[in-house]
Amino acid sequence: MANTYTQINIQLVFAVKGRQNLIIEKHRERLEKFMCGIIRNNKSKPLAIYCNPDHTHVFIGLHPSIAISDITREIKSSSSKFINDEKWIRGKFAWQEGFGAFSYAKSQIGLVVKYILNQPEHHKKTSFREEYIEFLNKFEIKYKEEYLFDFND
């Protein structure tokens, strides 16, 4: 893509199906590394990632030839297959349908990286539901309650 210059920084947020706490700490880092490989294989750059037990934040520098929905689908489907092939849980692992995607300027990268890497502390005070609705409101995204993730809290 000669003469194409972009800066597309996207934070993806998606949840475990049924909002179960299925991503356990001993597997978290390996799953994050696997997801980073998927991102790199899609010509994009992983900036930060944190897999909470019931949801995940992925911050990427997106290549202009890659659609957000395509890379998200690839991350979710390949990581589900990886978890199932590794037999980390009884039954079948899956992500919920849908995702959130939020864009950031270069000047915000450091803050977003810090926010994502600080997820364990953040969720001691704020539920995933509160966090996600805060994102939607902050980015002025209209939504319908019935189409949000299944929230158990």
N, C-alpha and C. Protein backbone atom coordinates (compact mmCIF):
# COMPACT_ATOMS: atom_id res chain seq x y z
N MET A 1 0.84 -1.18 0.00
CA MET A 1 0.00 0.00 0.00
C MET A 1 0.88 1.24 0.00
N ALA A 2 1.54 1.46 -1.10
CA ALA A 2 2.41 2.62 -1.22
C ALA A 2 1.62 3.91 -1.01
N ASN A 3 2.29 4.89 -0.42
CA ASN A 3 1.70 6.21 -0.18
C ASN A 3 0.49 6.18 0.75
N THR A 4 0.41 5.17 1.60
CA THR A 4 -0.67 5.09 2.59
C THR A 4 -0.04 5.23 3.97
N TYR A 5 -0.48 6.23 4.70
CA TYR A 5 0.06 6.50 6.02
C TYR A 5 -1.11 6.63 7.00
N THR A 6 -1.09 5.83 8.03
CA THR A 6 -2.20 5.84 8.96
C THR A 6 -1.72 5.72 10.40
N GLN A 7 -2.61 6.06 11.29
CA GLN A 7 -2.43 5.83 12.71
C GLN A 7 -3.81 5.48 13.25
N ILE A 8 -4.06 4.19 13.43
CA ILE A 8 -5.37 3.71 13.86
C ILE A 8 -5.17 2.89 15.13
N ASN A 9 -5.48 3.48 16.26
CA ASN A 9 -5.31 2.83 17.56
C ASN A 9 -6.68 2.48 18.11
N ILE A 10 -6.93 1.19 18.29
CA ILE A 10 -8.24 0.70 18.67
C ILE A 10 -8.15 -0.18 19.91
N GLN A 11 -9.03 0.09 20.87
CA GLN A 11 -9.18 -0.81 22.02
C GLN A 11 -10.42 -1.65 21.77
N LEU A 12 -10.23 -2.97 21.80
CA LEU A 12 -11.32 -3.92 21.67
C LEU A 12 -11.67 -4.46 23.05
N VAL A 13 -12.95 -4.64 23.30
CA VAL A 13 -13.41 -5.22 24.56
C VAL A 13 -14.44 -6.28 24.21
N PHE A 14 -14.23 -7.50 24.73
CA PHE A 14 -15.21 -8.57 24.52
C PHE A 14 -15.25 -9.48 25.73
N ALA A 15 -16.35 -10.22 25.86
CA ALA A 15 -16.60 -10.97 27.09
C ALA A 15 -16.72 -12.47 26.84
N VAL A 16 -16.41 -13.24 27.88
CA VAL A 16 -16.59 -14.69 27.86
C VAL A 16 -18.09 -14.98 27.81
N LYS A 17 -18.47 -15.95 27.01
CA LYS A 17 -19.88 -16.32 26.90
C LYS A 17 -20.43 -16.68 28.28
N GLY A 18 -21.59 -16.11 28.61
CA GLY A 18 -22.20 -16.35 29.89
C GLY A 18 -21.50 -15.63 31.03
N ARG A 19 -20.51 -14.79 30.66
CA ARG A 19 -19.73 -14.02 31.64
C ARG A 19 -19.17 -14.88 32.76
N GLN A 20 -18.82 -16.10 32.41
CA GLN A 20 -18.21 -17.00 33.38
C GLN A 20 -16.74 -16.63 33.57
N ASN A 21 -16.21 -16.87 34.75
CA ASN A 21 -14.80 -16.61 35.05
C ASN A 21 -13.97 -17.81 34.59
N LEU A 22 -13.75 -17.91 33.29
CA LEU A 22 -13.10 -19.08 32.72
C LEU A 22 -11.62 -18.87 32.37
N ILE A 23 -11.18 -17.63 32.33
CA ILE A 23 -9.77 -17.37 32.02
C ILE A 23 -9.04 -17.29 33.35
N ILE A 24 -8.36 -18.37 33.69
CA ILE A 24 -7.70 -18.42 34.99
C ILE A 24 -6.28 -17.87 34.89
N GLU A 25 -5.80 -17.37 36.00
CA GLU A 25 -4.53 -16.65 36.04
C GLU A 25 -3.37 -17.47 35.49
N LYS A 26 -3.32 -18.76 35.78
CA LYS A 26 -2.17 -19.54 35.33
C LYS A 26 -2.10 -19.67 33.80
N HIS A 27 -3.21 -19.42 33.10
CA HIS A 27 -3.22 -19.48 31.63
C HIS A 27 -3.25 -18.10 30.96
N ARG A 28 -3.48 -17.07 31.75
CA ARG A 28 -3.71 -15.73 31.20
C ARG A 28 -2.58 -15.26 30.29
N GLU A 29 -1.34 -15.32 30.77
CA GLU A 29 -0.22 -14.80 29.99
C GLU A 29 -0.03 -15.56 28.68
N ARG A 30 -0.21 -16.85 28.72
CA ARG A 30 -0.07 -17.66 27.49
C ARG A 30 -1.16 -17.30 26.48
N LEU A 31 -2.38 -17.09 26.96
CA LEU A 31 -3.47 -16.67 26.08
C LEU A 31 -3.20 -15.30 25.48
N GLU A 32 -2.70 -14.38 26.29
CA GLU A 32 -2.38 -13.04 25.79
C GLU A 32 -1.29 -13.11 24.71
N LYS A 33 -0.28 -13.92 24.91
CA LYS A 33 0.78 -14.07 23.89
C LYS A 33 0.21 -14.66 22.61
N PHE A 34 -0.68 -15.63 22.75
CA PHE A 34 -1.32 -16.23 21.57
C PHE A 34 -2.10 -15.16 20.80
N MET A 35 -2.86 -14.34 21.51
CA MET A 35 -3.63 -13.28 20.86
C MET A 35 -2.71 -12.26 20.19
N CYS A 36 -1.58 -11.95 20.81
CA CYS A 36 -0.63 -11.02 20.20
C CYS A 36 -0.11 -11.57 18.86
N GLY A 37 0.09 -12.88 18.80
CA GLY A 37 0.50 -13.51 17.54
C GLY A 37 -0.55 -13.35 16.46
N ILE A 38 -1.80 -13.49 16.82
CA ILE A 38 -2.90 -13.31 15.86
C ILE A 38 -2.88 -11.87 15.33
N ILE A 39 -2.70 -10.93 16.24
CA ILE A 39 -2.68 -9.51 15.84
C ILE A 39 -1.52 -9.26 14.87
N ARG A 40 -0.34 -9.76 15.20
CA ARG A 40 0.82 -9.58 14.32
C ARG A 40 0.60 -10.25 12.96
N ASN A 41 -0.02 -11.44 12.97
CA ASN A 41 -0.30 -12.14 11.72
C ASN A 41 -1.31 -11.39 10.86
N ASN A 42 -2.00 -10.43 11.44
CA ASN A 42 -2.95 -9.59 10.71
C ASN A 42 -2.36 -8.20 10.46
N LYS A 43 -1.04 -8.13 10.31
CA LYS A 43 -0.32 -6.92 9.94
C LYS A 43 -0.51 -5.77 10.93
N SER A 44 -0.94 -6.06 12.13
CA SER A 44 -1.21 -5.04 13.12
C SER A 44 -0.26 -5.17 14.30
N LYS A 45 -0.31 -4.19 15.21
CA LYS A 45 0.65 -4.15 16.31
C LYS A 45 -0.09 -4.23 17.65
N PRO A 46 0.23 -5.25 18.46
CA PRO A 46 -0.37 -5.28 19.80
C PRO A 46 0.28 -4.21 20.68
N LEU A 47 -0.54 -3.37 21.30
CA LEU A 47 -0.03 -2.31 22.17
C LEU A 47 -0.20 -2.66 23.65
N ALA A 48 -1.30 -3.33 23.98
CA ALA A 48 -1.54 -3.80 25.35
C ALA A 48 -2.67 -4.81 25.31
N ILE A 49 -2.62 -5.76 26.24
CA ILE A 49 -3.68 -6.76 26.32
C ILE A 49 -3.79 -7.22 27.77
N TYR A 50 -5.03 -7.45 28.18
CA TYR A 50 -5.24 -8.05 29.50
C TYR A 50 -6.50 -8.90 29.44
N CYS A 51 -6.32 -10.17 29.76
CA CYS A 51 -7.44 -11.12 29.80
C CYS A 51 -7.90 -11.26 31.24
N ASN A 52 -8.98 -10.60 31.58
CA ASN A 52 -9.62 -10.77 32.88
C ASN A 52 -10.29 -12.14 32.89
N PRO A 53 -10.69 -12.64 34.04
CA PRO A 53 -11.36 -13.94 34.07
C PRO A 53 -12.62 -14.02 33.19
N ASP A 54 -13.33 -12.89 33.02
CA ASP A 54 -14.60 -12.92 32.29
C ASP A 54 -14.67 -11.99 31.09
N HIS A 55 -13.64 -11.20 30.84
CA HIS A 55 -13.63 -10.32 29.66
C HIS A 55 -12.19 -9.93 29.34
N THR A 56 -12.01 -9.41 28.14
CA THR A 56 -10.66 -9.09 27.65
C THR A 56 -10.62 -7.69 27.04
N HIS A 57 -9.50 -7.01 27.27
CA HIS A 57 -9.19 -5.72 26.63
C HIS A 57 -7.99 -5.94 25.73
N VAL A 58 -8.09 -5.54 24.47
CA VAL A 58 -6.99 -5.66 23.52
C VAL A 58 -6.81 -4.29 22.87
N PHE A 59 -5.62 -3.73 22.94
CA PHE A 59 -5.33 -2.42 22.34
C PHE A 59 -4.35 -2.65 21.21
N ILE A 60 -4.73 -2.24 20.01
CA ILE A 60 -3.91 -2.52 18.84
C ILE A 60 -3.70 -1.28 17.97
N GLY A 61 -2.57 -1.28 17.28
CA GLY A 61 -2.32 -0.37 16.18
C GLY A 61 -2.78 -1.13 14.94
N LEU A 62 -3.92 -0.75 14.41
CA LEU A 62 -4.55 -1.50 13.32
C LEU A 62 -4.00 -1.12 11.96
N HIS A 63 -3.63 -2.12 11.17
CA HIS A 63 -3.18 -1.90 9.79
C HIS A 63 -4.38 -1.43 8.97
N PRO A 64 -4.19 -0.48 8.06
CA PRO A 64 -5.32 0.08 7.31
C PRO A 64 -6.05 -0.90 6.40
N SER A 65 -5.42 -2.01 6.06
CA SER A 65 -6.08 -2.98 5.18
C SER A 65 -6.94 -3.99 5.95
N ILE A 66 -6.93 -3.90 7.28
CA ILE A 66 -7.64 -4.87 8.11
C ILE A 66 -8.88 -4.22 8.72
N ALA A 67 -10.02 -4.85 8.55
CA ALA A 67 -11.26 -4.35 9.14
C ALA A 67 -11.31 -4.72 10.62
N ILE A 68 -11.83 -3.82 11.43
CA ILE A 68 -11.92 -4.07 12.87
C ILE A 68 -12.71 -5.35 13.14
N SER A 69 -13.82 -5.53 12.47
CA SER A 69 -14.65 -6.72 12.70
C SER A 69 -13.91 -7.99 12.30
N ASP A 70 -13.08 -7.93 11.26
CA ASP A 70 -12.34 -9.12 10.82
C ASP A 70 -11.27 -9.52 11.83
N ILE A 71 -10.49 -8.56 12.32
CA ILE A 71 -9.44 -8.91 13.27
C ILE A 71 -10.05 -9.36 14.60
N THR A 72 -11.15 -8.75 14.98
CA THR A 72 -11.81 -9.16 16.23
C THR A 72 -12.34 -10.58 16.11
N ARG A 73 -12.98 -10.87 14.99
CA ARG A 73 -13.49 -12.23 14.76
C ARG A 73 -12.34 -13.24 14.79
N GLU A 74 -11.22 -12.89 14.17
CA GLU A 74 -10.05 -13.78 14.14
C GLU A 74 -9.50 -14.00 15.55
N ILE A 75 -9.36 -12.92 16.32
CA ILE A 75 -8.85 -13.05 17.70
C ILE A 75 -9.78 -13.95 18.51
N LYS A 76 -11.08 -13.69 18.43
CA LYS A 76 -12.03 -14.45 19.23
C LYS A 76 -12.12 -15.91 18.80
N SER A 77 -12.23 -16.16 17.50
CA SER A 77 -12.39 -17.55 17.04
C SER A 77 -11.12 -18.37 17.26
N SER A 78 -9.96 -17.79 16.93
CA SER A 78 -8.71 -18.53 17.10
C SER A 78 -8.39 -18.77 18.57
N SER A 79 -8.66 -17.79 19.42
CA SER A 79 -8.38 -17.98 20.85
C SER A 79 -9.35 -18.98 21.47
N SER A 80 -10.60 -19.00 21.02
CA SER A 80 -11.55 -20.02 21.50
C SER A 80 -11.06 -21.41 21.13
N LYS A 81 -10.63 -21.56 19.89
CA LYS A 81 -10.11 -22.86 19.44
C LYS A 81 -8.87 -23.24 20.26
N PHE A 82 -7.99 -22.29 20.49
CA PHE A 82 -6.78 -22.53 21.28
C PHE A 82 -7.14 -23.02 22.68
N ILE A 83 -8.04 -22.33 23.35
CA ILE A 83 -8.45 -22.70 24.71
C ILE A 83 -9.07 -24.09 24.71
N ASN A 84 -9.93 -24.36 23.72
CA ASN A 84 -10.57 -25.68 23.65
C ASN A 84 -9.57 -26.78 23.32
N ASP A 85 -8.64 -26.52 22.41
CA ASP A 85 -7.62 -27.51 22.07
C ASP A 85 -6.72 -27.82 23.27
N GLU A 86 -6.45 -26.80 24.08
CA GLU A 86 -5.62 -26.97 25.27
C GLU A 86 -6.39 -27.61 26.43
N LYS A 87 -7.71 -27.70 26.27
CA LYS A 87 -8.59 -28.29 27.30
C LYS A 87 -8.43 -27.62 28.66
N TRP A 88 -8.44 -26.27 28.64
CA TRP A 88 -8.29 -25.51 29.87
C TRP A 88 -9.55 -25.54 30.73
N ILE A 89 -10.69 -25.85 30.11
CA ILE A 89 -11.94 -25.90 30.86
C ILE A 89 -12.71 -27.15 30.49
N ARG A 90 -13.63 -27.53 31.36
CA ARG A 90 -14.56 -28.60 31.01
C ARG A 90 -15.61 -28.00 30.09
N GLY A 91 -16.03 -28.74 29.14
CA GLY A 91 -17.02 -28.21 28.20
C GLY A 91 -16.34 -27.37 27.13
N LYS A 92 -17.13 -26.53 26.49
CA LYS A 92 -16.63 -25.74 25.36
C LYS A 92 -16.53 -24.27 25.73
N PHE A 93 -15.35 -23.68 25.49
CA PHE A 93 -15.15 -22.25 25.72
C PHE A 93 -15.64 -21.49 24.50
N ALA A 94 -16.25 -20.33 24.75
CA ALA A 94 -16.65 -19.42 23.67
C ALA A 94 -16.73 -18.00 24.21
N TRP A 95 -16.56 -17.05 23.31
CA TRP A 95 -16.77 -15.64 23.63
C TRP A 95 -18.22 -15.28 23.32
N GLN A 96 -18.76 -14.29 24.01
CA GLN A 96 -20.09 -13.79 23.68
C GLN A 96 -20.05 -13.13 22.31
N GLU A 97 -21.20 -13.04 21.70
CA GLU A 97 -21.30 -12.31 20.43
C GLU A 97 -21.03 -10.84 20.68
N GLY A 98 -20.51 -10.19 19.68
CA GLY A 98 -20.31 -8.75 19.75
C GLY A 98 -19.01 -8.34 20.43
N PHE A 99 -18.76 -7.05 20.38
CA PHE A 99 -17.55 -6.46 20.97
C PHE A 99 -17.71 -4.96 21.00
N GLY A 100 -16.86 -4.32 21.78
CA GLY A 100 -16.75 -2.87 21.75
C GLY A 100 -15.44 -2.51 21.08
N ALA A 101 -15.43 -1.44 20.32
CA ALA A 101 -14.21 -0.95 19.67
C ALA A 101 -14.16 0.56 19.86
N PHE A 102 -13.05 1.03 20.43
CA PHE A 102 -12.92 2.43 20.79
C PHE A 102 -11.60 2.96 20.25
N SER A 103 -11.63 4.11 19.59
CA SER A 103 -10.42 4.64 18.95
C SER A 103 -9.77 5.72 19.80
N TYR A 104 -8.44 5.81 19.68
CA TYR A 104 -7.66 6.74 20.49
C TYR A 104 -6.60 7.44 19.65
N ALA A 105 -6.29 8.67 20.04
CA ALA A 105 -5.21 9.44 19.41
C ALA A 105 -3.85 8.97 19.94
N LYS A 106 -2.81 9.30 19.22
CA LYS A 106 -1.45 8.93 19.63
C LYS A 106 -1.15 9.43 21.04
N SER A 107 -1.60 10.63 21.36
CA SER A 107 -1.33 11.21 22.68
C SER A 107 -1.98 10.42 23.82
N GLN A 108 -2.92 9.56 23.51
CA GLN A 108 -3.64 8.78 24.53
C GLN A 108 -3.07 7.36 24.71
N ILE A 109 -2.15 6.95 23.87
CA ILE A 109 -1.66 5.57 23.90
C ILE A 109 -1.13 5.17 25.28
N GLY A 110 -0.28 5.98 25.86
CA GLY A 110 0.29 5.67 27.17
C GLY A 110 -0.77 5.48 28.24
N LEU A 111 -1.77 6.34 28.24
CA LEU A 111 -2.84 6.23 29.23
C LEU A 111 -3.67 4.97 29.04
N VAL A 112 -3.95 4.62 27.80
CA VAL A 112 -4.75 3.42 27.52
C VAL A 112 -3.97 2.16 27.88
N VAL A 113 -2.70 2.13 27.55
CA VAL A 113 -1.85 0.98 27.91
C VAL A 113 -1.85 0.81 29.43
N LYS A 114 -1.63 1.89 30.15
CA LYS A 114 -1.62 1.84 31.62
C LYS A 114 -2.97 1.35 32.15
N TYR A 115 -4.05 1.86 31.59
CA TYR A 115 -5.39 1.46 32.01
C TYR A 115 -5.60 -0.05 31.82
N ILE A 116 -5.21 -0.55 30.66
CA ILE A 116 -5.42 -1.97 30.37
C ILE A 116 -4.55 -2.85 31.28
N LEU A 117 -3.31 -2.48 31.46
CA LEU A 117 -2.43 -3.29 32.29
C LEU A 117 -2.80 -3.21 33.77
N ASN A 118 -3.60 -2.24 34.14
CA ASN A 118 -4.04 -2.06 35.52
C ASN A 118 -5.43 -2.67 35.77
N GLN A 119 -5.87 -3.54 34.91
CA GLN A 119 -7.21 -4.11 35.04
C GLN A 119 -7.51 -4.77 36.39
N PRO A 120 -6.61 -5.56 36.96
CA PRO A 120 -6.95 -6.19 38.24
C PRO A 120 -7.30 -5.16 39.33
N GLU A 121 -6.53 -4.09 39.41
CA GLU A 121 -6.81 -3.05 40.40
C GLU A 121 -8.10 -2.31 40.06
N HIS A 122 -8.28 -2.01 38.80
CA HIS A 122 -9.47 -1.30 38.35
C HIS A 122 -10.74 -2.05 38.74
N HIS A 123 -10.74 -3.36 38.55
CA HIS A 123 -11.95 -4.14 38.80
C HIS A 123 -12.16 -4.48 40.28
N LYS A 124 -11.28 -4.04 41.13
CA LYS A 124 -11.55 -4.13 42.56
C LYS A 124 -12.58 -3.08 42.96
N LYS A 125 -12.68 -2.01 42.13
CA LYS A 125 -13.58 -0.89 42.44
C LYS A 125 -14.74 -0.76 41.46
N THR A 126 -14.57 -1.26 40.26
CA THR A 126 -15.55 -1.04 39.21
C THR A 126 -15.91 -2.37 38.54
N SER A 127 -17.20 -2.63 38.39
CA SER A 127 -17.63 -3.86 37.72
C SER A 127 -17.42 -3.73 36.21
N PHE A 128 -17.41 -4.86 35.53
CA PHE A 128 -17.29 -4.82 34.07
C PHE A 128 -18.47 -4.08 33.47
N ARG A 129 -19.67 -4.29 33.98
CA ARG A 129 -20.85 -3.58 33.48
C ARG A 129 -20.66 -2.07 33.58
N GLU A 130 -20.24 -1.60 34.74
CA GLU A 130 -20.01 -0.16 34.94
C GLU A 130 -18.94 0.35 33.98
N GLU A 131 -17.87 -0.42 33.85
CA GLU A 131 -16.77 -0.04 32.97
C GLU A 131 -17.24 0.08 31.52
N TYR A 132 -17.98 -0.93 31.06
CA TYR A 132 -18.39 -0.97 29.66
C TYR A 132 -19.39 0.16 29.34
N ILE A 133 -20.34 0.37 30.22
CA ILE A 133 -21.31 1.45 30.00
C ILE A 133 -20.61 2.81 30.04
N GLU A 134 -19.60 2.92 30.89
CA GLU A 134 -18.82 4.16 30.94
C GLU A 134 -18.13 4.41 29.60
N PHE A 135 -17.56 3.36 29.00
CA PHE A 135 -16.97 3.50 27.66
C PHE A 135 -18.00 3.98 26.65
N LEU A 136 -19.15 3.33 26.63
CA LEU A 136 -20.19 3.70 25.67
C LEU A 136 -20.62 5.15 25.84
N ASN A 137 -20.79 5.56 27.08
CA ASN A 137 -21.19 6.95 27.34
C ASN A 137 -20.07 7.93 27.00
N LYS A 138 -18.84 7.62 27.39
CA LYS A 138 -17.70 8.49 27.12
C LYS A 138 -17.52 8.73 25.62
N PHE A 139 -17.71 7.67 24.84
CA PHE A 139 -17.54 7.78 23.39
C PHE A 139 -18.84 8.15 22.67
N GLU A 140 -19.88 8.47 23.47
CA GLU A 140 -21.18 8.91 22.94
C GLU A 140 -21.76 7.91 21.95
N ILE A 141 -21.71 6.64 22.35
CA ILE A 141 -22.26 5.57 21.52
C ILE A 141 -23.64 5.22 22.04
N LYS A 142 -24.63 5.35 21.18
CA LYS A 142 -26.00 4.99 21.55
C LYS A 142 -26.10 3.47 21.61
N TYR A 143 -26.81 2.98 22.62
CA TYR A 143 -26.94 1.54 22.79
C TYR A 143 -28.29 1.21 23.41
N LYS A 144 -28.66 -0.04 23.25
CA LYS A 144 -29.87 -0.56 23.87
C LYS A 144 -29.44 -1.60 24.90
N GLU A 145 -29.98 -1.48 26.10
CA GLU A 145 -29.64 -2.38 27.20
C GLU A 145 -29.72 -3.85 26.79
N GLU A 146 -30.76 -4.21 26.04
CA GLU A 146 -30.96 -5.62 25.70
C GLU A 146 -29.88 -6.18 24.77
N TYR A 147 -29.09 -5.29 24.16
CA TYR A 147 -28.03 -5.76 23.27
C TYR A 147 -26.64 -5.68 23.88
N LEU A 148 -26.56 -5.32 25.16
CA LEU A 148 -25.26 -5.32 25.83
C LEU A 148 -24.87 -6.76 26.18
N PHE A 149 -23.63 -6.94 26.61
CA PHE A 149 -23.20 -8.26 27.05
C PHE A 149 -24.10 -8.75 28.17
N ASP A 150 -24.09 -10.06 28.39
CA ASP A 150 -24.77 -10.62 29.57
C ASP A 150 -23.92 -10.23 30.78
N PHE A 151 -24.51 -9.48 31.68
CA PHE A 151 -23.79 -9.05 32.87
C PHE A 151 -24.33 -9.79 34.07
N ASN A 152 -23.47 -10.38 34.86
CA ASN A 152 -23.87 -11.16 36.03
C ASN A 152 -23.78 -10.37 37.32
N ASP A 153 -23.27 -9.14 37.28
CA ASP A 153 -23.09 -8.40 38.52
C ASP A 153 -24.22 -7.42 38.77
